[in-house]
Amino acid sequence: MTLCLRNRQHVCPVDLRLFRRILDHLLSHHFKNAEYELCFHLVAASEMAKLNEKFLNHAGPTDVITFDHTGDNSGVHGEIFICPEVAVSQAREFRTSWQEEVVRYAIHGLLHLQGHDDLAAAARRKMKREEERLLAEVAKRFALARLQRSRPK
């Protein structure tokens, strides 16, 4: 089982140890697969915009993009790209915190890797309900505000 985290953005100082603990919890309690190979990339808006254009033919940055590399393998194999800069703007819009939004995006990506789809309205509602349920459970267990790492002085 492999879980890697890469932080290639500087807008939001993220406590990667806490983020890993949250992801480990989600994987062991809610995505019970015998094996997984996952990499979460925290990227700047400019990098996310390039990925969004190249792979989804959409202009501008987005919140989360999931690449499923499972193929014929069992378990979960993939990469999840998260843009904390988008999380900051969406947190303002939805009156949450950017930390909560980042965890929401991680859950959203994991749900995609579990086969959930958000293209059709009914499937999108089902996925959103599961996303909200998991986020509420994680928020009870972890202090999500602590995902913001203090900047060194």
N, C-alpha and C. Protein backbone atom coordinates (compact mmCIF):
# COMPACT_ATOMS: atom_id res chain seq x y z
N MET A 1 0.84 -1.17 0.00
CA MET A 1 0.00 0.00 0.00
C MET A 1 0.90 1.24 0.00
N THR A 2 0.60 2.13 -0.92
CA THR A 2 1.40 3.34 -1.05
C THR A 2 0.49 4.55 -1.07
N LEU A 3 0.86 5.54 -0.28
CA LEU A 3 0.17 6.81 -0.28
C LEU A 3 1.23 7.89 -0.29
N CYS A 4 1.28 8.66 -1.38
CA CYS A 4 2.25 9.75 -1.43
C CYS A 4 1.52 11.09 -1.51
N LEU A 5 2.16 12.09 -0.94
CA LEU A 5 1.64 13.46 -0.96
C LEU A 5 2.71 14.35 -1.55
N ARG A 6 2.30 15.17 -2.49
CA ARG A 6 3.22 16.13 -3.09
C ARG A 6 2.58 17.51 -3.00
N ASN A 7 3.32 18.46 -2.45
CA ASN A 7 2.82 19.81 -2.31
C ASN A 7 3.65 20.73 -3.22
N ARG A 8 3.03 21.14 -4.33
CA ARG A 8 3.73 22.01 -5.29
C ARG A 8 3.05 23.37 -5.39
N GLN A 9 2.49 23.84 -4.30
CA GLN A 9 1.85 25.15 -4.27
C GLN A 9 2.30 25.87 -3.01
N HIS A 10 2.17 27.20 -3.03
CA HIS A 10 2.64 28.00 -1.91
C HIS A 10 1.57 28.95 -1.37
N VAL A 11 0.35 28.82 -1.84
CA VAL A 11 -0.72 29.72 -1.40
C VAL A 11 -1.21 29.34 -0.01
N CYS A 12 -1.40 28.05 0.22
CA CYS A 12 -1.92 27.57 1.49
C CYS A 12 -0.87 26.67 2.17
N PRO A 13 -0.39 27.07 3.33
CA PRO A 13 0.57 26.23 4.04
C PRO A 13 -0.15 25.03 4.67
N VAL A 14 0.04 23.85 4.12
CA VAL A 14 -0.70 22.65 4.52
C VAL A 14 0.17 21.78 5.43
N ASP A 15 -0.43 21.33 6.53
CA ASP A 15 0.22 20.37 7.42
C ASP A 15 0.07 19.00 6.78
N LEU A 16 1.09 18.56 6.08
CA LEU A 16 1.01 17.29 5.34
C LEU A 16 0.90 16.08 6.25
N ARG A 17 1.45 16.17 7.47
CA ARG A 17 1.30 15.03 8.40
C ARG A 17 -0.16 14.83 8.79
N LEU A 18 -0.85 15.91 9.08
CA LEU A 18 -2.27 15.81 9.42
C LEU A 18 -3.07 15.37 8.20
N PHE A 19 -2.76 15.91 7.04
CA PHE A 19 -3.47 15.51 5.82
C PHE A 19 -3.29 14.01 5.58
N ARG A 20 -2.09 13.48 5.78
CA ARG A 20 -1.84 12.05 5.64
C ARG A 20 -2.67 11.24 6.64
N ARG A 21 -2.75 11.72 7.89
CA ARG A 21 -3.56 11.01 8.90
C ARG A 21 -5.02 10.96 8.49
N ILE A 22 -5.53 12.06 7.95
CA ILE A 22 -6.92 12.10 7.48
C ILE A 22 -7.12 11.11 6.34
N LEU A 23 -6.20 11.12 5.38
CA LEU A 23 -6.30 10.20 4.23
C LEU A 23 -6.17 8.75 4.68
N ASP A 24 -5.24 8.47 5.59
CA ASP A 24 -5.10 7.11 6.12
C ASP A 24 -6.40 6.65 6.77
N HIS A 25 -7.02 7.55 7.54
CA HIS A 25 -8.30 7.22 8.18
C HIS A 25 -9.37 6.90 7.14
N LEU A 26 -9.48 7.76 6.14
CA LEU A 26 -10.49 7.52 5.09
C LEU A 26 -10.25 6.19 4.39
N LEU A 27 -9.00 5.92 4.05
CA LEU A 27 -8.68 4.69 3.33
C LEU A 27 -8.92 3.45 4.18
N SER A 28 -8.58 3.50 5.45
CA SER A 28 -8.73 2.31 6.29
C SER A 28 -10.15 2.10 6.79
N HIS A 29 -10.93 3.16 6.94
CA HIS A 29 -12.27 3.01 7.50
C HIS A 29 -13.40 3.09 6.47
N HIS A 30 -13.17 3.76 5.37
CA HIS A 30 -14.28 3.98 4.44
C HIS A 30 -14.02 3.46 3.03
N PHE A 31 -12.77 3.25 2.70
CA PHE A 31 -12.42 2.74 1.37
C PHE A 31 -11.59 1.49 1.60
N LYS A 32 -12.23 0.48 2.15
CA LYS A 32 -11.54 -0.72 2.62
C LYS A 32 -11.09 -1.61 1.45
N ASN A 33 -9.98 -1.26 0.89
CA ASN A 33 -9.40 -2.07 -0.17
C ASN A 33 -8.13 -2.71 0.36
N ALA A 34 -7.88 -3.92 -0.11
CA ALA A 34 -6.68 -4.62 0.34
C ALA A 34 -5.42 -3.90 -0.11
N GLU A 35 -5.51 -3.23 -1.24
CA GLU A 35 -4.31 -2.56 -1.74
C GLU A 35 -4.67 -1.23 -2.39
N TYR A 36 -3.79 -0.29 -2.24
CA TYR A 36 -3.96 0.99 -2.92
C TYR A 36 -2.59 1.58 -3.22
N GLU A 37 -2.58 2.33 -4.28
CA GLU A 37 -1.40 3.08 -4.68
C GLU A 37 -1.92 4.43 -5.15
N LEU A 38 -1.76 5.42 -4.29
CA LEU A 38 -2.35 6.73 -4.53
C LEU A 38 -1.32 7.83 -4.34
N CYS A 39 -1.49 8.87 -5.14
CA CYS A 39 -0.68 10.06 -4.93
C CYS A 39 -1.61 11.27 -4.99
N PHE A 40 -1.54 12.08 -3.95
CA PHE A 40 -2.28 13.33 -3.89
C PHE A 40 -1.31 14.46 -4.18
N HIS A 41 -1.66 15.28 -5.15
CA HIS A 41 -0.83 16.41 -5.55
C HIS A 41 -1.57 17.69 -5.20
N LEU A 42 -0.96 18.53 -4.37
CA LEU A 42 -1.49 19.85 -4.10
C LEU A 42 -0.77 20.80 -5.04
N VAL A 43 -1.52 21.42 -5.95
CA VAL A 43 -0.89 22.18 -7.02
C VAL A 43 -1.41 23.61 -7.08
N ALA A 44 -0.60 24.47 -7.68
CA ALA A 44 -0.97 25.87 -7.89
C ALA A 44 -2.05 25.97 -8.97
N ALA A 45 -2.75 27.08 -8.97
CA ALA A 45 -3.83 27.29 -9.95
C ALA A 45 -3.32 27.21 -11.38
N SER A 46 -2.11 27.70 -11.62
CA SER A 46 -1.57 27.66 -12.98
C SER A 46 -1.35 26.23 -13.46
N GLU A 47 -0.84 25.37 -12.58
CA GLU A 47 -0.66 23.97 -12.96
C GLU A 47 -2.00 23.26 -13.14
N MET A 48 -2.96 23.57 -12.26
CA MET A 48 -4.27 22.95 -12.37
C MET A 48 -4.96 23.38 -13.66
N ALA A 49 -4.79 24.63 -14.07
CA ALA A 49 -5.38 25.11 -15.32
C ALA A 49 -4.80 24.35 -16.51
N LYS A 50 -3.50 24.09 -16.49
CA LYS A 50 -2.87 23.32 -17.58
C LYS A 50 -3.41 21.91 -17.63
N LEU A 51 -3.56 21.26 -16.48
CA LEU A 51 -4.12 19.90 -16.43
C LEU A 51 -5.56 19.88 -16.91
N ASN A 52 -6.33 20.86 -16.47
CA ASN A 52 -7.74 20.95 -16.83
C ASN A 52 -7.90 21.12 -18.34
N GLU A 53 -7.06 21.95 -18.93
CA GLU A 53 -7.13 22.18 -20.38
C GLU A 53 -6.68 20.93 -21.14
N LYS A 54 -5.56 20.36 -20.73
CA LYS A 54 -4.97 19.24 -21.45
C LYS A 54 -5.84 17.98 -21.39
N PHE A 55 -6.36 17.66 -20.21
CA PHE A 55 -7.06 16.39 -20.05
C PHE A 55 -8.58 16.49 -20.10
N LEU A 56 -9.14 17.66 -19.77
CA LEU A 56 -10.59 17.80 -19.75
C LEU A 56 -11.11 18.82 -20.75
N ASN A 57 -10.21 19.48 -21.45
CA ASN A 57 -10.58 20.50 -22.43
C ASN A 57 -11.41 21.62 -21.84
N HIS A 58 -11.11 21.98 -20.59
CA HIS A 58 -11.78 23.10 -19.92
C HIS A 58 -10.75 24.18 -19.64
N ALA A 59 -11.15 25.42 -19.77
CA ALA A 59 -10.24 26.54 -19.51
C ALA A 59 -10.24 26.87 -18.02
N GLY A 60 -9.09 27.26 -17.52
CA GLY A 60 -8.95 27.72 -16.14
C GLY A 60 -8.75 26.60 -15.14
N PRO A 61 -8.43 26.98 -13.91
CA PRO A 61 -8.22 25.98 -12.87
C PRO A 61 -9.54 25.41 -12.38
N THR A 62 -9.48 24.25 -11.78
CA THR A 62 -10.64 23.62 -11.16
C THR A 62 -10.22 23.15 -9.78
N ASP A 63 -11.16 22.63 -9.01
CA ASP A 63 -10.86 22.23 -7.64
C ASP A 63 -10.10 20.91 -7.54
N VAL A 64 -10.57 19.90 -8.26
CA VAL A 64 -9.96 18.57 -8.14
C VAL A 64 -10.07 17.83 -9.47
N ILE A 65 -9.01 17.12 -9.82
CA ILE A 65 -9.01 16.25 -10.99
C ILE A 65 -8.48 14.89 -10.54
N THR A 66 -9.19 13.84 -10.92
CA THR A 66 -8.82 12.49 -10.53
C THR A 66 -8.43 11.68 -11.75
N PHE A 67 -7.31 11.00 -11.66
CA PHE A 67 -6.86 10.08 -12.71
C PHE A 67 -6.88 8.67 -12.13
N ASP A 68 -7.70 7.82 -12.72
CA ASP A 68 -7.83 6.44 -12.27
C ASP A 68 -6.86 5.57 -13.06
N HIS A 69 -5.91 4.97 -12.36
CA HIS A 69 -4.93 4.09 -13.00
C HIS A 69 -5.16 2.64 -12.61
N THR A 70 -6.36 2.31 -12.16
CA THR A 70 -6.64 0.97 -11.67
C THR A 70 -6.52 -0.08 -12.76
N GLY A 71 -7.12 0.15 -13.91
CA GLY A 71 -7.05 -0.83 -15.00
C GLY A 71 -7.57 -2.18 -14.55
N ASP A 72 -6.78 -3.22 -14.75
CA ASP A 72 -7.17 -4.58 -14.36
C ASP A 72 -6.75 -4.92 -12.94
N ASN A 73 -6.08 -4.00 -12.26
CA ASN A 73 -5.63 -4.24 -10.90
C ASN A 73 -6.80 -4.24 -9.93
N SER A 74 -6.61 -4.89 -8.81
CA SER A 74 -7.61 -4.79 -7.75
C SER A 74 -7.20 -3.62 -6.86
N GLY A 75 -8.12 -3.17 -6.05
CA GLY A 75 -7.81 -2.06 -5.17
C GLY A 75 -8.00 -0.72 -5.85
N VAL A 76 -7.30 0.28 -5.34
CA VAL A 76 -7.42 1.64 -5.84
C VAL A 76 -6.04 2.14 -6.25
N HIS A 77 -5.94 2.58 -7.49
CA HIS A 77 -4.68 3.11 -8.01
C HIS A 77 -4.99 4.39 -8.77
N GLY A 78 -4.39 5.48 -8.36
CA GLY A 78 -4.67 6.72 -9.07
C GLY A 78 -3.94 7.91 -8.51
N GLU A 79 -4.20 9.03 -9.15
CA GLU A 79 -3.64 10.31 -8.73
C GLU A 79 -4.79 11.30 -8.59
N ILE A 80 -4.70 12.10 -7.55
CA ILE A 80 -5.72 13.11 -7.30
C ILE A 80 -4.99 14.45 -7.17
N PHE A 81 -5.35 15.38 -8.07
CA PHE A 81 -4.77 16.72 -8.07
C PHE A 81 -5.76 17.67 -7.43
N ILE A 82 -5.30 18.39 -6.42
CA ILE A 82 -6.14 19.31 -5.66
C ILE A 82 -5.51 20.70 -5.73
N CYS A 83 -6.37 21.71 -5.94
CA CYS A 83 -5.89 23.08 -6.02
C CYS A 83 -6.36 23.87 -4.79
N PRO A 84 -5.49 24.03 -3.79
CA PRO A 84 -5.88 24.80 -2.60
C PRO A 84 -6.27 26.25 -2.91
N GLU A 85 -5.70 26.82 -3.95
CA GLU A 85 -6.05 28.20 -4.32
C GLU A 85 -7.53 28.29 -4.71
N VAL A 86 -8.03 27.30 -5.41
CA VAL A 86 -9.46 27.24 -5.74
C VAL A 86 -10.26 27.00 -4.46
N ALA A 87 -9.70 26.20 -3.55
CA ALA A 87 -10.38 25.94 -2.27
C ALA A 87 -10.61 27.24 -1.50
N VAL A 88 -9.65 28.15 -1.56
CA VAL A 88 -9.78 29.43 -0.86
C VAL A 88 -10.97 30.21 -1.42
N SER A 89 -11.08 30.29 -2.74
CA SER A 89 -12.19 31.06 -3.32
C SER A 89 -13.53 30.35 -3.12
N GLN A 90 -13.54 29.02 -3.23
CA GLN A 90 -14.81 28.31 -3.02
C GLN A 90 -15.23 28.33 -1.56
N ALA A 91 -14.27 28.36 -0.65
CA ALA A 91 -14.61 28.45 0.78
C ALA A 91 -15.33 29.76 1.07
N ARG A 92 -14.87 30.83 0.44
CA ARG A 92 -15.56 32.12 0.61
C ARG A 92 -16.99 32.03 0.07
N GLU A 93 -17.12 31.44 -1.11
CA GLU A 93 -18.44 31.34 -1.75
C GLU A 93 -19.40 30.48 -0.94
N PHE A 94 -18.92 29.35 -0.39
CA PHE A 94 -19.80 28.40 0.30
C PHE A 94 -19.75 28.55 1.83
N ARG A 95 -19.01 29.58 2.30
CA ARG A 95 -18.92 29.89 3.73
C ARG A 95 -18.42 28.70 4.54
N THR A 96 -17.31 28.14 4.06
CA THR A 96 -16.62 27.08 4.78
C THR A 96 -15.17 27.55 4.94
N SER A 97 -14.29 26.64 5.22
CA SER A 97 -12.86 26.97 5.29
C SER A 97 -12.15 26.29 4.11
N TRP A 98 -11.01 26.83 3.73
CA TRP A 98 -10.26 26.20 2.64
C TRP A 98 -9.81 24.81 3.06
N GLN A 99 -9.55 24.62 4.36
CA GLN A 99 -9.12 23.32 4.84
C GLN A 99 -10.23 22.28 4.63
N GLU A 100 -11.46 22.66 4.94
CA GLU A 100 -12.60 21.76 4.72
C GLU A 100 -12.76 21.46 3.23
N GLU A 101 -12.59 22.48 2.41
CA GLU A 101 -12.71 22.27 0.96
C GLU A 101 -11.64 21.30 0.45
N VAL A 102 -10.41 21.42 0.92
CA VAL A 102 -9.34 20.52 0.49
C VAL A 102 -9.68 19.08 0.86
N VAL A 103 -10.19 18.87 2.06
CA VAL A 103 -10.59 17.50 2.47
C VAL A 103 -11.76 17.03 1.63
N ARG A 104 -12.70 17.92 1.35
CA ARG A 104 -13.84 17.57 0.48
C ARG A 104 -13.33 17.11 -0.89
N TYR A 105 -12.36 17.81 -1.44
CA TYR A 105 -11.83 17.44 -2.76
C TYR A 105 -11.14 16.08 -2.71
N ALA A 106 -10.43 15.81 -1.62
CA ALA A 106 -9.78 14.51 -1.46
C ALA A 106 -10.83 13.40 -1.43
N ILE A 107 -11.89 13.62 -0.67
CA ILE A 107 -12.98 12.63 -0.59
C ILE A 107 -13.62 12.47 -1.96
N HIS A 108 -13.86 13.57 -2.64
CA HIS A 108 -14.47 13.54 -3.98
C HIS A 108 -13.62 12.69 -4.92
N GLY A 109 -12.32 12.91 -4.91
CA GLY A 109 -11.42 12.13 -5.76
C GLY A 109 -11.44 10.65 -5.40
N LEU A 110 -11.43 10.34 -4.11
CA LEU A 110 -11.49 8.94 -3.68
C LEU A 110 -12.80 8.28 -4.11
N LEU A 111 -13.90 9.03 -4.03
CA LEU A 111 -15.19 8.48 -4.47
C LEU A 111 -15.16 8.17 -5.97
N HIS A 112 -14.54 9.04 -6.75
CA HIS A 112 -14.40 8.75 -8.18
C HIS A 112 -13.62 7.45 -8.38
N LEU A 113 -12.56 7.25 -7.62
CA LEU A 113 -11.76 6.03 -7.75
C LEU A 113 -12.52 4.79 -7.29
N GLN A 114 -13.57 4.99 -6.52
CA GLN A 114 -14.42 3.88 -6.09
C GLN A 114 -15.57 3.63 -7.07
N GLY A 115 -15.60 4.39 -8.16
CA GLY A 115 -16.62 4.17 -9.18
C GLY A 115 -17.77 5.15 -9.18
N HIS A 116 -17.78 6.11 -8.28
CA HIS A 116 -18.85 7.11 -8.27
C HIS A 116 -18.67 8.04 -9.47
N ASP A 117 -19.79 8.53 -9.96
CA ASP A 117 -19.79 9.40 -11.12
C ASP A 117 -20.64 10.62 -10.81
N ASP A 118 -20.28 11.77 -11.36
CA ASP A 118 -21.06 12.97 -11.11
C ASP A 118 -21.53 13.65 -12.39
N LEU A 119 -21.64 12.87 -13.47
CA LEU A 119 -22.09 13.45 -14.73
C LEU A 119 -23.61 13.57 -14.80
N ALA A 120 -24.32 12.52 -14.44
CA ALA A 120 -25.79 12.55 -14.45
C ALA A 120 -26.29 13.11 -13.11
N ALA A 121 -27.41 13.79 -13.14
CA ALA A 121 -27.94 14.46 -11.95
C ALA A 121 -28.16 13.50 -10.79
N ALA A 122 -28.77 12.35 -11.02
CA ALA A 122 -29.06 11.41 -9.93
C ALA A 122 -27.76 10.87 -9.32
N ALA A 123 -26.81 10.52 -10.17
CA ALA A 123 -25.52 10.02 -9.67
C ALA A 123 -24.77 11.12 -8.92
N ARG A 124 -24.87 12.35 -9.40
CA ARG A 124 -24.21 13.48 -8.75
C ARG A 124 -24.78 13.71 -7.35
N ARG A 125 -26.12 13.61 -7.21
CA ARG A 125 -26.76 13.76 -5.89
C ARG A 125 -26.30 12.66 -4.94
N LYS A 126 -26.23 11.42 -5.43
CA LYS A 126 -25.80 10.29 -4.61
C LYS A 126 -24.35 10.49 -4.16
N MET A 127 -23.50 10.91 -5.09
CA MET A 127 -22.10 11.14 -4.77
C MET A 127 -21.96 12.27 -3.76
N LYS A 128 -22.71 13.34 -3.93
CA LYS A 128 -22.66 14.49 -3.04
C LYS A 128 -23.09 14.10 -1.62
N ARG A 129 -24.12 13.27 -1.51
CA ARG A 129 -24.57 12.81 -0.19
C ARG A 129 -23.46 12.03 0.52
N GLU A 130 -22.80 11.14 -0.22
CA GLU A 130 -21.71 10.35 0.36
C GLU A 130 -20.53 11.25 0.72
N GLU A 131 -20.23 12.20 -0.12
CA GLU A 131 -19.17 13.17 0.15
C GLU A 131 -19.45 13.94 1.44
N GLU A 132 -20.68 14.43 1.60
CA GLU A 132 -21.07 15.18 2.80
C GLU A 132 -21.02 14.30 4.04
N ARG A 133 -21.46 13.05 3.93
CA ARG A 133 -21.43 12.13 5.06
C ARG A 133 -20.00 11.89 5.53
N LEU A 134 -19.12 11.61 4.58
CA LEU A 134 -17.72 11.34 4.92
C LEU A 134 -17.04 12.59 5.48
N LEU A 135 -17.32 13.74 4.91
CA LEU A 135 -16.72 14.98 5.39
C LEU A 135 -17.16 15.25 6.83
N ALA A 136 -18.43 15.06 7.13
CA ALA A 136 -18.94 15.28 8.49
C ALA A 136 -18.26 14.33 9.47
N GLU A 137 -18.08 13.09 9.07
CA GLU A 137 -17.43 12.10 9.95
C GLU A 137 -15.97 12.48 10.20
N VAL A 138 -15.27 12.89 9.16
CA VAL A 138 -13.87 13.27 9.29
C VAL A 138 -13.75 14.54 10.14
N ALA A 139 -14.66 15.49 9.95
CA ALA A 139 -14.63 16.74 10.72
C ALA A 139 -14.86 16.49 12.21
N LYS A 140 -15.60 15.46 12.56
CA LYS A 140 -15.80 15.12 13.97
C LYS A 140 -14.53 14.53 14.58
N ARG A 141 -13.78 13.83 13.76
CA ARG A 141 -12.60 13.11 14.24
C ARG A 141 -11.32 13.96 14.23
N PHE A 142 -11.22 14.89 13.30
CA PHE A 142 -10.01 15.69 13.13
C PHE A 142 -10.35 17.18 13.18
N ALA A 143 -9.46 17.95 13.72
CA ALA A 143 -9.61 19.41 13.72
C ALA A 143 -9.11 19.91 12.37
N LEU A 144 -10.03 20.07 11.42
CA LEU A 144 -9.64 20.42 10.05
C LEU A 144 -8.94 21.77 9.97
N ALA A 145 -9.25 22.68 10.87
CA ALA A 145 -8.59 23.99 10.85
C ALA A 145 -7.07 23.84 11.04
N ARG A 146 -6.66 22.76 11.66
CA ARG A 146 -5.22 22.55 11.89
C ARG A 146 -4.48 22.11 10.63
N LEU A 147 -5.22 21.90 9.55
CA LEU A 147 -4.55 21.61 8.27
C LEU A 147 -3.72 22.81 7.83
N GLN A 148 -4.05 23.98 8.34
CA GLN A 148 -3.25 25.17 8.01
C GLN A 148 -2.02 25.18 8.90
N ARG A 149 -0.91 24.86 8.29
CA ARG A 149 0.37 24.84 9.00
C ARG A 149 0.82 26.28 9.23
N SER A 150 1.38 26.52 10.38
CA SER A 150 1.93 27.85 10.67
C SER A 150 3.11 28.12 9.76
N ARG A 151 3.18 29.32 9.27
CA ARG A 151 4.33 29.73 8.44
C ARG A 151 5.52 29.97 9.37
N PRO A 152 6.71 29.52 8.96
CA PRO A 152 7.88 29.79 9.80
C PRO A 152 8.16 31.29 9.86
N LYS A 153 8.65 31.73 11.00
CA LYS A 153 8.92 33.16 11.19
C LYS A 153 10.28 33.53 10.67
